[in-house]
Each structure stands twice: as C-alpha cells, then as structure tokens.
PDB file of N, CA and C in Angstrom:
ATOM      1  N   SER A   1     -14.809 -51.947  18.934  1.00  0.00           N
ATOM      2  CA  SER A   1     -13.561 -52.043  19.626  1.00  0.00           C
ATOM      3  C   SER A   1     -12.822 -51.403  20.771  1.00  0.00           C
ATOM      4  N   LEU A   2     -13.915 -51.090  22.080  1.00  0.00           N
ATOM      5  CA  LEU A   2     -13.692 -51.183  23.204  1.00  0.00           C
ATOM      6  C   LEU A   2     -13.291 -52.438  24.154  1.00  0.00           C
ATOM      7  N   PHE A   3     -13.259 -53.340  23.642  1.00  0.00           N
ATOM      8  CA  PHE A   3     -12.748 -54.451  24.511  1.00  0.00           C
ATOM      9  C   PHE A   3     -11.156 -55.361  23.369  1.00  0.00           C
ATOM     10  N   ASN A   4     -11.023 -54.468  21.928  1.00  0.00           N
ATOM     11  CA  ASN A   4     -10.090 -54.865  21.577  1.00  0.00           C
ATOM     12  C   ASN A   4      -8.631 -54.673  21.890  1.00  0.00           C
ATOM     13  N   ASN A   5      -8.342 -54.057  23.048  1.00  0.00           N
ATOM     14  CA  ASN A   5      -7.202 -53.752  23.457  1.00  0.00           C
ATOM     15  C   ASN A   5      -7.070 -54.692  25.011  1.00  0.00           C
ATOM     16  N   SER A   6      -8.275 -54.703  25.388  1.00  0.00           N
ATOM     17  CA  SER A   6      -7.964 -55.310  26.815  1.00  0.00           C
ATOM     18  C   SER A   6      -9.499 -56.227  27.012  1.00  0.00           C
ATOM     19  N   ASN A   7      -9.299 -57.607  27.536  1.00  0.00           N
ATOM     20  CA  ASN A   7     -10.398 -58.372  27.547  1.00  0.00           C
ATOM     21  C   ASN A   7     -10.929 -58.055  28.978  1.00  0.00           C
ATOM     22  N   LYS A   8     -10.958 -57.001  29.835  1.00  0.00           N
ATOM     23  CA  LYS A   8     -11.127 -56.839  30.937  1.00  0.00           C
ATOM     24  C   LYS A   8     -10.966 -55.334  31.405  1.00  0.00           C
ATOM     25  N   LEU A   9     -12.392 -54.805  31.700  1.00  0.00           N
ATOM     26  CA  LEU A   9     -12.271 -53.808  31.917  1.00  0.00           C
ATOM     27  C   LEU A   9     -13.146 -52.897  33.240  1.00  0.00           C
ATOM     28  N   SER A  10     -13.314 -52.236  33.931  1.00  0.00           N
ATOM     29  CA  SER A  10     -14.024 -51.430  34.784  1.00  0.00           C
ATOM     30  C   SER A  10     -15.139 -51.039  34.302  1.00  0.00           C
ATOM     31  N   TYR A  11     -16.085 -50.612  35.050  1.00  0.00           N
ATOM     32  CA  TYR A  11     -17.255 -49.785  35.243  1.00  0.00           C
ATOM     33  C   TYR A  11     -16.573 -48.130  34.544  1.00  0.00           C
ATOM     34  N   ASN A  12     -15.912 -47.686  35.388  1.00  0.00           N
ATOM     35  CA  ASN A  12     -15.547 -46.301  34.909  1.00  0.00           C
ATOM     36  C   ASN A  12     -14.826 -46.537  33.663  1.00  0.00           C
ATOM     37  N   ASP A  13     -13.921 -47.689  33.362  1.00  0.00           N
ATOM     38  CA  ASP A  13     -13.260 -47.635  32.131  1.00  0.00           C
ATOM     39  C   ASP A  13     -14.041 -47.730  31.218  1.00  0.00           C
ATOM     40  N   VAL A  14     -15.116 -48.526  30.917  1.00  0.00           N
ATOM     41  CA  VAL A  14     -16.248 -48.605  29.825  1.00  0.00           C
ATOM     42  C   VAL A  14     -17.271 -46.817  29.944  1.00  0.00           C
ATOM     43  N   LYS A  15     -17.540 -46.600  30.935  1.00  0.00           N
ATOM     44  CA  LYS A  15     -18.197 -45.195  30.866  1.00  0.00           C
ATOM     45  C   LYS A  15     -17.245 -44.124  30.552  1.00  0.00           C
ATOM     46  N   GLU A  16     -15.691 -44.176  30.863  1.00  0.00           N
ATOM     47  CA  GLU A  16     -15.023 -42.995  29.787  1.00  0.00           C
ATOM     48  C   GLU A  16     -14.607 -43.054  28.468  1.00  0.00           C
ATOM     49  N   SER A  17     -14.779 -44.373  28.038  1.00  0.00           N
ATOM     50  CA  SER A  17     -14.141 -44.570  26.825  1.00  0.00           C
ATOM     51  C   SER A  17     -15.497 -44.608  26.160  1.00  0.00           C
ATOM     52  N   THR A  18     -16.800 -44.552  25.997  1.00  0.00           N
ATOM     53  CA  THR A  18     -18.087 -44.916  25.765  1.00  0.00           C
ATOM     54  C   THR A  18     -18.570 -43.308  25.462  1.00  0.00           C
ATOM     55  N   GLY A  19     -18.622 -42.817  27.006  1.00  0.00           N
ATOM     56  CA  GLY A  19     -19.528 -41.480  26.776  1.00  0.00           C
ATOM     57  C   GLY A  19     -20.624 -41.784  27.372  1.00  0.00           C
ATOM     58  N   ILE A  20     -21.318 -42.882  27.714  1.00  0.00           N
ATOM     59  CA  ILE A  20     -23.030 -43.065  27.657  1.00  0.00           C
ATOM     60  C   ILE A  20     -23.333 -42.558  29.176  1.00  0.00           C
ATOM     61  N   GLU A  21     -24.324 -42.188  29.071  1.00  0.00           N
ATOM     62  CA  GLU A  21     -24.746 -41.343  30.809  1.00  0.00           C
ATOM     63  C   GLU A  21     -24.838 -42.616  31.955  1.00  0.00           C
ATOM     64  N   GLU A  22     -24.769 -42.304  32.887  1.00  0.00           N
ATOM     65  CA  GLU A  22     -24.696 -43.493  34.114  1.00  0.00           C
ATOM     66  C   GLU A  22     -25.853 -44.580  33.980  1.00  0.00           C
ATOM     67  N   GLU A  23     -26.686 -43.910  33.909  1.00  0.00           N
ATOM     68  CA  GLU A  23     -28.147 -44.655  34.213  1.00  0.00           C
ATOM     69  C   GLU A  23     -28.324 -45.590  32.593  1.00  0.00           C
ATOM     70  N   GLU A  24     -27.912 -44.844  31.364  1.00  0.00           N
ATOM     71  CA  GLU A  24     -27.970 -45.570  30.311  1.00  0.00           C
ATOM     72  C   GLU A  24     -27.046 -46.327  30.591  1.00  0.00           C
ATOM     73  N   LEU A  25     -25.819 -46.450  30.693  1.00  0.00           N
ATOM     74  CA  LEU A  25     -24.341 -47.685  30.804  1.00  0.00           C
ATOM     75  C   LEU A  25     -25.206 -48.520  32.045  1.00  0.00           C
ATOM     76  N   GLY A  26     -25.321 -48.521  32.553  1.00  0.00           N
ATOM     77  CA  GLY A  26     -26.029 -49.568  33.458  1.00  0.00           C
ATOM     78  C   GLY A  26     -27.047 -50.386  32.697  1.00  0.00           C
ATOM     79  N   ARG A  27     -28.328 -49.867  32.127  1.00  0.00           N
ATOM     80  CA  ARG A  27     -28.809 -50.808  31.567  1.00  0.00           C
ATOM     81  C   ARG A  27     -28.038 -51.725  30.251  1.00  0.00           C
ATOM     82  N   VAL A  28     -27.508 -51.059  29.718  1.00  0.00           N
ATOM     83  CA  VAL A  28     -26.834 -51.555  28.460  1.00  0.00           C
ATOM     84  C   VAL A  28     -25.672 -52.753  28.924  1.00  0.00           C
ATOM     85  N   LEU A  29     -25.087 -52.558  29.826  1.00  0.00           N
ATOM     86  CA  LEU A  29     -24.448 -53.387  31.023  1.00  0.00           C
ATOM     87  C   LEU A  29     -25.132 -54.817  30.994  1.00  0.00           C
ATOM     88  N   GLN A  30     -26.120 -54.369  32.188  1.00  0.00           N
ATOM     89  CA  GLN A  30     -27.085 -55.014  32.895  1.00  0.00           C
ATOM     90  C   GLN A  30     -27.508 -55.906  31.271  1.00  0.00           C
ATOM     91  N   SER A  31     -27.811 -55.749  30.582  1.00  0.00           N
ATOM     92  CA  SER A  31     -28.066 -56.696  29.284  1.00  0.00           C
ATOM     93  C   SER A  31     -27.334 -57.262  28.255  1.00  0.00           C
ATOM     94  N   LEU A  32     -26.239 -56.936  28.895  1.00  0.00           N
ATOM     95  CA  LEU A  32     -24.959 -57.649  27.800  1.00  0.00           C
ATOM     96  C   LEU A  32     -24.270 -58.602  28.588  1.00  0.00           C
ATOM     97  N   ALA A  33     -24.498 -58.649  29.952  1.00  0.00           N
ATOM     98  CA  ALA A  33     -23.762 -59.315  30.955  1.00  0.00           C
ATOM     99  C   ALA A  33     -24.918 -60.543  32.186  1.00  0.00           C
ATOM    100  N   CYS A  34     -26.064 -59.855  31.822  1.00  0.00           N
ATOM    101  CA  CYS A  34     -26.925 -60.834  32.643  1.00  0.00           C
ATOM    102  C   CYS A  34     -27.620 -61.133  32.354  1.00  0.00           C
ATOM    103  N   GLY A  35     -28.182 -60.842  30.854  1.00  0.00           N
ATOM    104  CA  GLY A  35     -29.319 -61.303  29.701  1.00  0.00           C
ATOM    105  C   GLY A  35     -29.580 -62.746  29.469  1.00  0.00           C
ATOM    106  N   LYS A  36     -29.944 -63.161  28.669  1.00  0.00           N
ATOM    107  CA  LYS A  36     -29.690 -64.508  28.116  1.00  0.00           C
ATOM    108  C   LYS A  36     -28.676 -64.543  27.409  1.00  0.00           C
ATOM    109  N   ALA A  37     -28.260 -63.726  26.459  1.00  0.00           N
ATOM    110  CA  ALA A  37     -26.803 -63.683  25.676  1.00  0.00           C
ATOM    111  C   ALA A  37     -25.689 -62.945  26.575  1.00  0.00           C
ATOM    112  N   ARG A  38     -25.036 -63.714  27.157  1.00  0.00           N
ATOM    113  CA  ARG A  38     -24.177 -63.037  27.381  1.00  0.00           C
ATOM    114  C   ARG A  38     -22.783 -63.162  27.207  1.00  0.00           C
ATOM    115  N   VAL A  39     -22.962 -61.989  26.640  1.00  0.00           N
ATOM    116  CA  VAL A  39     -22.112 -61.546  25.755  1.00  0.00           C
ATOM    117  C   VAL A  39     -20.619 -61.274  26.638  1.00  0.00           C
ATOM    118  N   LEU A  40     -20.936 -60.530  27.747  1.00  0.00           N
ATOM    119  CA  LEU A  40     -19.903 -60.205  28.792  1.00  0.00           C
ATOM    120  C   LEU A  40     -20.066 -60.977  29.767  1.00  0.00           C
ATOM    121  N   LYS A  41     -18.792 -61.196  30.799  1.00  0.00           N
ATOM    122  CA  LYS A  41     -18.823 -61.641  31.991  1.00  0.00           C
ATOM    123  C   LYS A  41     -18.646 -60.648  33.060  1.00  0.00           C
ATOM    124  N   LYS A  42     -19.605 -60.733  34.037  1.00  0.00           N
ATOM    125  CA  LYS A  42     -19.659 -59.588  35.148  1.00  0.00           C
ATOM    126  C   LYS A  42     -18.844 -60.098  36.442  1.00  0.00           C
ATOM    127  N   VAL A  43     -18.181 -59.138  37.144  1.00  0.00           N
ATOM    128  CA  VAL A  43     -17.045 -59.684  38.323  1.00  0.00           C
ATOM    129  C   VAL A  43     -17.600 -58.576  39.203  1.00  0.00           C
ATOM    130  N   PRO A  44     -17.882 -58.495  40.354  1.00  0.00           N
ATOM    131  CA  PRO A  44     -18.424 -60.442  41.053  1.00  0.00           C
ATOM    132  C   PRO A  44     -19.995 -60.579  40.434  1.00  0.00           C
ATOM    133  N   PRO A  45     -20.410 -61.526  39.865  1.00  0.00           N
ATOM    134  CA  PRO A  45     -21.325 -62.039  39.416  1.00  0.00           C
ATOM    135  C   PRO A  45     -22.726 -61.482  40.179  1.00  0.00           C
ATOM    136  N   GLY A  46     -23.973 -61.583  39.388  1.00  0.00           N
ATOM    137  CA  GLY A  46     -25.132 -60.716  39.657  1.00  0.00           C
ATOM    138  C   GLY A  46     -25.674 -60.228  39.182  1.00  0.00           C
ATOM    139  N   LYS A  47     -27.192 -59.788  39.789  1.00  0.00           N
ATOM    140  CA  LYS A  47     -27.827 -59.035  38.544  1.00  0.00           C
ATOM    141  C   LYS A  47     -27.862 -57.281  38.641  1.00  0.00           C
ATOM    142  N   ASP A  48     -27.378 -56.865  39.352  1.00  0.00           N
ATOM    143  CA  ASP A  48     -27.174 -55.500  39.858  1.00  0.00           C
ATOM    144  C   ASP A  48     -25.896 -55.135  39.424  1.00  0.00           C
ATOM    145  N   ILE A  49     -25.825 -53.751  38.525  1.00  0.00           N
ATOM    146  CA  ILE A  49     -24.498 -53.288  38.012  1.00  0.00           C
ATOM    147  C   ILE A  49     -24.363 -52.107  39.385  1.00  0.00           C
ATOM    148  N   ALA A  50     -23.104 -52.193  39.637  1.00  0.00           N
ATOM    149  CA  ALA A  50     -22.467 -51.085  40.411  1.00  0.00           C
ATOM    150  C   ALA A  50     -20.972 -51.061  40.016  1.00  0.00           C
ATOM    151  N   ASN A  51     -20.965 -49.118  40.333  1.00  0.00           N
ATOM    152  CA  ASN A  51     -19.623 -48.973  39.522  1.00  0.00           C
ATOM    153  C   ASN A  51     -18.131 -49.647  39.843  1.00  0.00           C
ATOM    154  N   THR A  52     -18.014 -50.305  41.173  1.00  0.00           N
ATOM    155  CA  THR A  52     -17.173 -51.068  41.309  1.00  0.00           C
ATOM    156  C   THR A  52     -16.896 -52.331  40.569  1.00  0.00           C
ATOM    157  N   ASP A  53     -17.994 -52.712  39.329  1.00  0.00           N
ATOM    158  CA  ASP A  53     -18.251 -54.125  38.456  1.00  0.00           C
ATOM    159  C   ASP A  53     -16.882 -54.104  37.960  1.00  0.00           C
ATOM    160  N   GLU A  54     -16.238 -55.238  37.165  1.00  0.00           N
ATOM    161  CA  GLU A  54     -15.831 -55.168  35.924  1.00  0.00           C
ATOM    162  C   GLU A  54     -16.350 -56.007  35.422  1.00  0.00           C
ATOM    163  N   PHE A  55     -15.924 -55.858  33.896  1.00  0.00           N
ATOM    164  CA  PHE A  55     -16.472 -56.867  32.430  1.00  0.00           C
ATOM    165  C   PHE A  55     -15.787 -56.918  31.978  1.00  0.00           C
ATOM    166  N   GLU A  56     -15.714 -58.266  31.069  1.00  0.00           N
ATOM    167  CA  GLU A  56     -14.589 -59.369  30.631  1.00  0.00           C
ATOM    168  C   GLU A  56     -15.549 -60.113  29.389  1.00  0.00           C
ATOM    169  N   PHE A  57     -14.885 -59.744  28.180  1.00  0.00           N
ATOM    170  CA  PHE A  57     -14.846 -60.695  27.017  1.00  0.00           C
ATOM    171  C   PHE A  57     -15.466 -61.913  27.665  1.00  0.00           C
ATOM    172  N   ASN A  58     -16.795 -61.965  27.027  1.00  0.00           N
ATOM    173  CA  ASN A  58     -16.712 -63.889  27.200  1.00  0.00           C
ATOM    174  C   ASN A  58     -16.697 -64.919  25.789  1.00  0.00           C
ATOM    175  N   ALA A  59     -14.806 -65.078  26.007  1.00  0.00           N
ATOM    176  CA  ALA A  59     -15.035 -65.870  24.820  1.00  0.00           C
ATOM    177  C   ALA A  59     -15.677 -67.176  24.400  1.00  0.00           C
ATOM    178  N   ASP A  60     -16.298 -67.126  25.167  1.00  0.00           N
ATOM    179  CA  ASP A  60     -16.914 -68.707  25.371  1.00  0.00           C
ATOM    180  C   ASP A  60     -18.095 -68.721  24.740  1.00  0.00           C
ATOM    181  N   PHE A  61     -18.889 -67.325  24.292  1.00  0.00           N
ATOM    182  CA  PHE A  61     -20.418 -67.352  24.128  1.00  0.00           C
ATOM    183  C   PHE A  61     -20.400 -67.764  22.972  1.00  0.00           C
ATOM    184  N   ARG A  62     -21.488 -68.831  22.733  1.00  0.00           N
ATOM    185  CA  ARG A  62     -21.617 -68.814  21.377  1.00  0.00           C
ATOM    186  C   ARG A  62     -22.965 -69.353  21.130  1.00  0.00           C
ATOM    187  N   HIS A  63     -23.642 -69.115  20.042  1.00  0.00           N
ATOM    188  CA  HIS A  63     -25.070 -69.194  19.759  1.00  0.00           C
ATOM    189  C   HIS A  63     -25.492 -69.469  18.488  1.00  0.00           C
ATOM    190  N   LYS A  64     -26.388 -70.085  18.700  1.00  0.00           N
ATOM    191  CA  LYS A  64     -27.254 -70.698  17.221  1.00  0.00           C
ATOM    192  C   LYS A  64     -27.265 -70.099  15.604  1.00  0.00           C
ATOM    193  N   LEU A  65     -27.552 -68.902  16.291  1.00  0.00           N
ATOM    194  CA  LEU A  65     -27.895 -67.969  15.030  1.00  0.00           C
ATOM    195  C   LEU A  65     -26.521 -66.872  14.822  1.00  0.00           C
ATOM    196  N   PHE A  66     -26.582 -66.423  13.375  1.00  0.00           N
ATOM    197  CA  PHE A  66     -25.406 -65.787  12.833  1.00  0.00           C
ATOM    198  C   PHE A  66     -25.135 -64.800  13.515  1.00  0.00           C
ATOM    199  N   LYS A  67     -26.700 -63.931  13.902  1.00  0.00           N
ATOM    200  CA  LYS A  67     -26.746 -62.409  14.337  1.00  0.00           C
ATOM    201  C   LYS A  67     -27.672 -62.650  15.179  1.00  0.00           C
ATOM    202  N   ILE A  68     -27.662 -62.265  16.263  1.00  0.00           N
ATOM    203  CA  ILE A  68     -28.271 -62.204  17.974  1.00  0.00           C
ATOM    204  C   ILE A  68     -29.343 -61.076  17.961  1.00  0.00           C
ATOM    205  N   LYS A  69     -29.956 -60.756  18.521  1.00  0.00           N
ATOM    206  CA  LYS A  69     -30.587 -59.537  19.243  1.00  0.00           C
ATOM    207  C   LYS A  69     -30.708 -59.654  20.737  1.00  0.00           C
ATOM    208  N   ILE A  70     -30.202 -58.734  21.087  1.00  0.00           N
ATOM    209  CA  ILE A  70     -29.969 -58.392  22.450  1.00  0.00           C
ATOM    210  C   ILE A  70     -30.932 -57.348  23.049  1.00  0.00           C
ATOM    211  N   ASN A  71     -31.677 -57.660  23.808  1.00  0.00           N
ATOM    212  CA  ASN A  71     -32.806 -56.846  24.431  1.00  0.00           C
ATOM    213  C   ASN A  71     -32.587 -56.296  25.258  1.00  0.00           C
ATOM    214  N   GLN A  72     -32.542 -54.663  25.449  1.00  0.00           N
ATOM    215  CA  GLN A  72     -32.218 -53.594  26.779  1.00  0.00           C
ATOM    216  C   GLN A  72     -32.950 -53.872  27.608  1.00  0.00           C
ATOM    217  N   VAL A  73     -32.546 -54.104  28.664  1.00  0.00           N
ATOM    218  CA  VAL A  73     -33.553 -54.226  30.193  1.00  0.00           C
ATOM    219  C   VAL A  73     -34.141 -52.945  30.413  1.00  0.00           C
ATOM    220  N   GLN A  74     -35.389 -53.423  31.285  1.00  0.00           N
ATOM    221  CA  GLN A  74     -36.453 -51.720  31.279  1.00  0.00           C
ATOM    222  C   GLN A  74     -36.128 -51.516  32.274  1.00  0.00           C
ATOM    223  N   THR A  75     -36.388 -50.151  32.886  1.00  0.00           N
ATOM    224  CA  THR A  75     -35.944 -49.939  34.233  1.00  0.00           C
ATOM    225  C   THR A  75     -37.858 -49.907  34.289  1.00  0.00           C
ATOM    226  N   LYS A  76     -37.350 -49.864  36.224  1.00  0.00           N
ATOM    227  CA  LYS A  76     -38.654 -49.975  37.184  1.00  0.00           C
ATOM    228  C   LYS A  76     -39.013 -48.176  36.889  1.00  0.00           C
ATOM    229  N   GLU A  77     -40.371 -48.137  37.372  1.00  0.00           N
ATOM    230  CA  GLU A  77     -40.870 -46.987  37.423  1.00  0.00           C
ATOM    231  C   GLU A  77     -40.820 -46.899  39.202  1.00  0.00           C
ATOM    232  N   THR A  78     -40.549 -45.850  39.484  1.00  0.00           N
ATOM    233  CA  THR A  78     -40.599 -45.887  40.935  1.00  0.00           C
ATOM    234  C   THR A  78     -42.289 -45.011  41.360  1.00  0.00           C
ATOM    235  N   VAL A  79     -42.357 -45.118  42.481  1.00  0.00           N
ATOM    236  CA  VAL A  79     -44.041 -44.757  42.802  1.00  0.00           C
ATOM    237  C   VAL A  79     -44.245 -43.367  42.125  1.00  0.00           C
ATOM    238  N   GLU A  80     -43.231 -42.183  42.681  1.00  0.00           N
ATOM    239  CA  GLU A  80     -43.325 -40.957  42.370  1.00  0.00           C
ATOM    240  C   GLU A  80     -44.106 -40.855  40.567  1.00  0.00           C
ATOM    241  N   GLU A  81     -42.927 -41.867  39.487  1.00  0.00           N
ATOM    242  CA  GLU A  81     -43.374 -41.747  38.743  1.00  0.00           C
ATOM    243  C   GLU A  81     -44.310 -42.253  38.026  1.00  0.00           C
ATOM    244  N   ASN A  82     -44.750 -43.318  38.837  1.00  0.00           N
ATOM    245  CA  ASN A  82     -46.076 -43.923  38.648  1.00  0.00           C
ATOM    246  C   ASN A  82     -47.234 -43.061  38.862  1.00  0.00           C
ATOM    247  N   VAL A  83     -47.236 -42.511  39.747  1.00  0.00           N
ATOM    248  CA  VAL A  83     -48.451 -41.433  40.289  1.00  0.00           C
ATOM    249  C   VAL A  83     -48.785 -40.270  39.253  1.00  0.00           C
ATOM    250  N   ASN A  84     -47.247 -40.061  38.481  1.00  0.00           N
ATOM    251  CA  ASN A  84     -47.342 -38.803  37.717  1.00  0.00           C
ATOM    252  C   ASN A  84     -47.654 -39.217  36.126  1.00  0.00           C
ATOM    253  N   THR A  85     -47.470 -40.376  35.668  1.00  0.00           N
ATOM    254  CA  THR A  85     -48.023 -41.271  34.582  1.00  0.00           C
ATOM    255  C   THR A  85     -49.479 -40.912  34.800  1.00  0.00           C
ATOM    256  N   THR A  86     -49.978 -41.826  35.737  1.00  0.00           N
ATOM    257  CA  THR A  86     -51.421 -41.873  36.445  1.00  0.00           C
ATOM    258  C   THR A  86     -52.347 -41.086  35.915  1.00  0.00           C
ATOM    259  N   GLU A  87     -51.850 -39.407  36.881  1.00  0.00           N
ATOM    260  CA  GLU A  87     -52.104 -38.640  37.051  1.00  0.00           C
ATOM    261  C   GLU A  87     -52.192 -37.809  35.356  1.00  0.00           C
ATOM    262  N   LYS A  88     -51.226 -37.916  34.793  1.00  0.00           N
ATOM    263  CA  LYS A  88     -51.218 -37.233  33.174  1.00  0.00           C
ATOM    264  C   LYS A  88     -52.166 -37.974  32.002  1.00  0.00           C
ATOM    265  N   VAL A  89     -52.635 -39.523  32.017  1.00  0.00           N
ATOM    266  CA  VAL A  89     -53.560 -40.344  31.460  1.00  0.00           C
ATOM    267  C   VAL A  89     -55.251 -39.946  32.260  1.00  0.00           C
ATOM    268  N   PHE A  90     -55.102 -39.712  33.346  1.00  0.00           N
ATOM    269  CA  PHE A  90     -56.160 -39.250  33.687  1.00  0.00           C
ATOM    270  C   PHE A  90     -57.078 -37.923  33.193  1.00  0.00           C
ATOM    271  N   GLN A  91     -55.473 -36.646  33.318  1.00  0.00           N
ATOM    272  CA  GLN A  91     -56.198 -35.568  32.748  1.00  0.00           C
ATOM    273  C   GLN A  91     -55.769 -35.952  31.285  1.00  0.00           C
ATOM    274  N   ASP A  92     -55.563 -36.274  30.134  1.00  0.00           N
ATOM    275  CA  ASP A  92     -55.613 -36.447  29.045  1.00  0.00           C
ATOM    276  C   ASP A  92     -56.887 -37.175  28.333  1.00  0.00           C
ATOM    277  N   ARG A  93     -57.550 -37.860  29.302  1.00  0.00           N
ATOM    278  CA  ARG A  93     -58.590 -38.855  28.947  1.00  0.00           C
ATOM    279  C   ARG A  93     -59.949 -37.809  29.627  1.00  0.00           C
ATOM    280  N   GLN A  94     -59.732 -36.922  30.158  1.00  0.00           N
ATOM    281  CA  GLN A  94     -60.590 -36.052  30.752  1.00  0.00           C
ATOM    282  C   GLN A  94     -60.929 -35.032  29.656  1.00  0.00           C
ATOM    283  N   TYR A  95     -59.865 -34.378  28.904  1.00  0.00           N
ATOM    284  CA  TYR A  95     -60.148 -33.843  27.663  1.00  0.00           C
ATOM    285  C   TYR A  95     -61.159 -34.744  26.824  1.00  0.00           C
ATOM    286  N   LEU A  96     -60.411 -35.989  26.337  1.00  0.00           N
ATOM    287  CA  LEU A  96     -61.608 -36.398  26.028  1.00  0.00           C
ATOM    288  C   LEU A  96     -62.984 -36.552  26.157  1.00  0.00           C
ATOM    289  N   ILE A  97     -63.226 -36.736  27.150  1.00  0.00           N
ATOM    290  CA  ILE A  97     -64.633 -36.852  27.737  1.00  0.00           C
ATOM    291  C   ILE A  97     -65.336 -35.822  27.373  1.00  0.00           C
ATOM    292  N   ASP A  98     -64.638 -34.286  27.683  1.00  0.00           N
ATOM    293  CA  ASP A  98     -65.388 -32.813  27.938  1.00  0.00           C
ATOM    294  C   ASP A  98     -65.762 -32.494  26.123  1.00  0.00           C
ATOM    295  N   ALA A  99     -64.590 -33.033  25.384  1.00  0.00           N
ATOM    296  CA  ALA A  99     -64.980 -32.958  24.032  1.00  0.00           C
ATOM    297  C   ALA A  99     -66.226 -33.767  23.497  1.00  0.00           C
TER     298      ALA A  99
END
C-alpha cells in the first residue's frame, strides 16, 4: 500500500511511512531496487542507498514465476565486529577444551 497513492517516493517518505530503522531500511530498499528482481527503480541509479535517493515502482517488472523470493542484502562486518566475533568464538571454544 506504500506505492498505491504515489509511484515515486523519497527515502525519507518511505522511512516515515514504514517506521523502519535506517540501517534496516537501507538493506530492504537495496534488495528491492538493486538486486536481481528489481521491483523498485532507484534514482539516481547505483548500488548504494542514500537518504537523498528516490524510489519509483517498476511497472515494467516481469518474472516467469507467479511468486518470487527476494533475498535481503547482507551487511558487511566491520573490522571491529570481526575481531569481537573471533574473540567470542575463541572464548567459547576455550570452555569446551577445558571441559
């Protein structure tokens, strides 16, 4: 129902209408506008989502299947998150070794 009233919405319009957190909204819009199944058109074109982008319903979208599955884009882990994850895994393994 988001694109029922208007074919083109700005990033901020989508954010206000849905109430989705900014980080999550970026991933969702990237999946819909930049993935294999481009249900939305992004202006300006590109892979990254900015809060100045506009999104338009892609009326030309066609797919051979009646139902389609759109995979959500994975976020890249920062170096700090990678170090923390590695450290936690090492600590968990240490407990197993001690047992």
